Amino acid sequence: MLRTIALTAGLVFAAGIVCSQTPAPPPVVAPAPPLPPGMLPVKLVMKHIVNPAAELYWKAGGEVDTAEGETKRAPGPEDDARWSAAVDAAAQLEEAGNLLAMPGRARDNDTWMKFAKDLNLAGAQAMKAAQARDSKATDDAGSALYNACFECHGRYIPRPANSLYKHFNEPDSDFKPPQ
């Protein structure tokens, strides 16, 4: 009995020492390794792949307001070259979502990956619309592409304080992206 009491006291004492010690600091996160040779950084993926493809796709749908009035951009049913260019651009945007999600480019595993997936899905929607030669669906897909780009840029590209395109997740910002 005395032995059991002594053993219990010893365990309580040891547990007290362990509990009173300061917790170990969180592990230090190492910086991301440099990109492998031949892999473009995000800025160049945007400059040479995403931006040109988005601009080309947006020429296939929607409308532009000018001083002369509203101009529809959708190609006509006989405009094979423009529809084909829209399909190609949409395919590039769909795959760009995958490129942006690759290790070395992804900035985090939550928000960045969500935005990369949004671009991928919007690209797939855009490709389907252009293949169907559906002007309304092409316009809707162009809006989905715009929203995917806008949301990511709002989160990851710093803006000047007086910018119309403030980071819409900031608590002091009442700016909301278009829907």
Protein backbone atom coordinates (compact mmCIF):
# COMPACT_ATOMS: atom_id res chain seq x y z
CA MET A 1 0.00 0.00 0.00
CA LEU A 2 2.77 2.41 0.92
CA ARG A 3 4.54 1.44 -2.28
CA THR A 4 1.40 2.32 -4.32
CA ILE A 5 1.11 5.70 -2.60
CA ALA A 6 4.79 6.46 -3.24
CA LEU A 7 4.48 5.44 -6.91
CA THR A 8 1.36 7.57 -7.35
CA ALA A 9 3.04 10.56 -5.68
CA GLY A 10 6.06 10.12 -7.94
CA LEU A 11 3.90 10.06 -11.05
CA VAL A 12 1.97 13.16 -9.93
CA PHE A 13 5.28 14.95 -9.23
CA ALA A 14 6.69 13.98 -12.66
CA ALA A 15 3.49 15.06 -14.40
CA GLY A 16 3.70 18.41 -12.59
CA ILE A 17 7.24 18.95 -13.86
CA VAL A 18 6.26 18.07 -17.43
CA CYS A 19 3.17 20.33 -17.32
CA SER A 20 5.07 23.26 -15.82
CA GLN A 21 7.68 23.35 -18.57
CA THR A 22 7.25 25.94 -21.30
CA PRO A 23 5.83 24.48 -24.48
CA ALA A 24 8.17 23.98 -27.40
CA PRO A 25 8.12 26.84 -29.90
CA PRO A 26 6.26 26.18 -33.15
CA PRO A 27 8.43 24.79 -35.91
CA VAL A 28 10.05 27.35 -38.18
CA VAL A 29 8.62 27.21 -41.68
CA ALA A 30 11.35 27.19 -44.26
CA PRO A 31 10.98 29.51 -47.24
CA ALA A 32 9.71 27.92 -50.42
CA PRO A 33 12.52 26.39 -52.45
CA PRO A 34 13.45 28.16 -55.68
CA LEU A 35 11.57 27.14 -58.77
CA PRO A 36 13.19 24.36 -60.77
CA PRO A 37 14.96 25.48 -63.95
CA GLY A 38 12.51 25.98 -66.77
CA MET A 39 9.53 26.71 -64.52
CA LEU A 40 8.08 30.20 -64.91
CA PRO A 41 7.34 32.28 -61.81
CA VAL A 42 3.71 33.30 -61.27
CA LYS A 43 4.18 36.80 -62.71
CA LEU A 44 5.40 35.35 -66.01
CA VAL A 45 2.64 32.72 -66.10
CA MET A 46 0.21 35.63 -65.77
CA LYS A 47 1.99 37.82 -68.32
CA HIS A 48 2.50 35.19 -71.03
CA ILE A 49 -0.33 32.70 -70.50
CA VAL A 50 -3.24 33.88 -68.35
CA ASN A 51 -3.56 37.54 -69.40
CA PRO A 52 -3.31 36.99 -73.19
CA ALA A 53 -5.73 34.05 -73.02
CA ALA A 54 -8.23 35.97 -70.89
CA GLU A 55 -8.13 39.01 -73.18
CA LEU A 56 -8.59 36.79 -76.24
CA TYR A 57 -11.51 34.96 -74.65
CA TRP A 58 -13.20 38.18 -73.56
CA LYS A 59 -13.10 39.38 -77.19
CA ALA A 60 -15.45 36.51 -77.99
CA GLY A 61 -18.22 37.62 -75.67
CA GLY A 62 -19.80 40.39 -73.76
CA GLU A 63 -20.17 43.98 -74.75
CA VAL A 64 -18.15 47.17 -74.69
CA ASP A 65 -19.64 50.56 -73.87
CA THR A 66 -18.16 53.47 -75.79
CA ALA A 67 -19.14 57.06 -76.51
CA GLU A 68 -20.89 55.76 -79.63
CA GLY A 69 -22.94 53.24 -77.62
CA GLU A 70 -22.86 49.57 -76.80
CA THR A 71 -20.94 47.17 -79.03
CA LYS A 72 -21.58 43.44 -78.86
CA ARG A 73 -18.41 41.37 -79.07
CA ALA A 74 -19.81 37.90 -79.66
CA PRO A 75 -18.78 36.28 -82.94
CA GLY A 76 -21.47 35.33 -85.38
CA PRO A 77 -22.32 31.74 -86.27
CA GLU A 78 -20.22 32.00 -89.43
CA ASP A 79 -17.13 33.28 -87.61
CA ASP A 80 -15.23 29.99 -87.26
CA ALA A 81 -11.84 31.57 -86.59
CA ARG A 82 -13.09 33.64 -83.63
CA TRP A 83 -14.95 30.72 -82.09
CA SER A 84 -11.87 28.53 -82.50
CA ALA A 85 -9.69 31.22 -80.87
CA ALA A 86 -12.14 31.42 -77.95
CA VAL A 87 -11.98 27.62 -77.48
CA ASP A 88 -8.15 27.74 -77.52
CA ALA A 89 -8.04 30.63 -75.04
CA ALA A 90 -10.49 28.86 -72.71
CA ALA A 91 -8.37 25.70 -72.81
CA GLN A 92 -5.30 27.75 -71.86
CA LEU A 93 -7.19 29.30 -68.94
CA GLU A 94 -8.50 25.94 -67.75
CA GLU A 95 -4.96 24.54 -67.73
CA ALA A 96 -3.55 27.74 -66.19
CA GLY A 97 -5.51 26.92 -63.04
CA ASN A 98 -3.50 23.70 -62.84
CA LEU A 99 -0.23 25.54 -63.50
CA LEU A 100 -0.92 27.99 -60.68
CA ALA A 101 -1.61 25.12 -58.26
CA MET A 102 1.76 23.45 -58.86
CA PRO A 103 4.27 23.23 -56.00
CA GLY A 104 6.56 26.22 -56.16
CA ARG A 105 3.79 28.50 -57.37
CA ALA A 106 1.04 27.91 -54.80
CA ARG A 107 1.30 30.49 -52.03
CA ASP A 108 -0.83 28.56 -49.55
CA ASN A 109 -2.92 25.43 -49.53
CA ASP A 110 -6.27 27.02 -48.88
CA THR A 111 -7.13 30.32 -50.51
CA TRP A 112 -4.57 30.15 -53.35
CA MET A 113 -5.67 26.65 -54.26
CA LYS A 114 -9.35 27.70 -54.18
CA PHE A 115 -8.63 30.54 -56.61
CA ALA A 116 -6.57 28.25 -58.87
CA LYS A 117 -9.50 25.79 -58.91
CA ASP A 118 -11.93 28.65 -59.63
CA LEU A 119 -9.84 29.60 -62.70
CA ASN A 120 -9.72 25.97 -63.77
CA LEU A 121 -13.52 25.56 -63.49
CA ALA A 122 -14.24 28.91 -65.19
CA GLY A 123 -11.91 27.89 -68.03
CA ALA A 124 -13.79 24.61 -68.43
CA GLN A 125 -17.11 26.50 -68.48
CA ALA A 126 -15.69 28.92 -71.06
CA MET A 127 -14.42 26.12 -73.26
CA LYS A 128 -17.79 24.35 -73.21
CA ALA A 129 -19.61 27.60 -74.08
CA ALA A 130 -17.29 28.45 -76.97
CA GLN A 131 -17.44 24.90 -78.35
CA ALA A 132 -21.25 25.15 -78.31
CA ARG A 133 -21.02 28.57 -80.03
CA ASP A 134 -23.43 29.86 -77.43
CA SER A 135 -23.07 33.64 -77.14
CA LYS A 136 -25.00 33.93 -73.86
CA ALA A 137 -23.05 31.08 -72.22
CA THR A 138 -19.79 32.57 -73.56
CA ASP A 139 -20.67 35.89 -71.92
CA ASP A 140 -21.56 34.14 -68.63
CA ALA A 141 -18.31 32.17 -68.70
CA GLY A 142 -16.41 35.40 -69.35
CA SER A 143 -17.96 36.80 -66.17
CA ALA A 144 -16.93 33.68 -64.22
CA LEU A 145 -13.37 34.09 -65.53
CA TYR A 146 -13.37 37.75 -64.53
CA ASN A 147 -14.58 36.90 -61.02
CA ALA A 148 -11.92 34.21 -60.59
CA CYS A 149 -9.19 36.66 -61.63
CA PHE A 150 -10.60 39.56 -59.63
CA GLU A 151 -10.93 37.61 -56.38
CA CYS A 152 -7.39 36.24 -56.57
CA HIS A 153 -5.92 39.62 -57.46
CA GLY A 154 -7.89 41.19 -54.62
CA ARG A 155 -6.25 38.79 -52.19
CA TYR A 156 -2.69 38.53 -53.49
CA ILE A 157 -1.84 41.76 -55.31
CA PRO A 158 -1.24 44.74 -53.01
CA ARG A 159 -3.19 47.83 -54.07
CA PRO A 160 -2.56 51.49 -53.29
CA ALA A 161 -4.79 52.91 -50.55
CA ASN A 162 -6.75 55.01 -53.07
CA SER A 163 -7.27 52.16 -55.55
CA LEU A 164 -10.78 51.37 -56.73
CA TYR A 165 -9.74 47.72 -56.54
CA LYS A 166 -9.05 47.49 -52.80
CA HIS A 167 -8.52 44.16 -51.20
CA PHE A 168 -12.18 43.38 -50.56
CA ASN A 169 -11.41 41.10 -47.60
CA GLU A 170 -9.93 43.95 -45.53
CA PRO A 171 -12.14 44.81 -42.55
CA ASP A 172 -12.09 48.56 -43.31
CA SER A 173 -13.03 48.10 -46.96
CA ASP A 174 -16.64 48.31 -48.07
CA PHE A 175 -15.66 47.35 -51.62
CA LYS A 176 -17.25 44.16 -52.92
CA PRO A 177 -16.38 42.49 -56.24
CA PRO A 178 -18.99 42.48 -58.98
CA GLN A 179 -21.13 39.34 -59.13
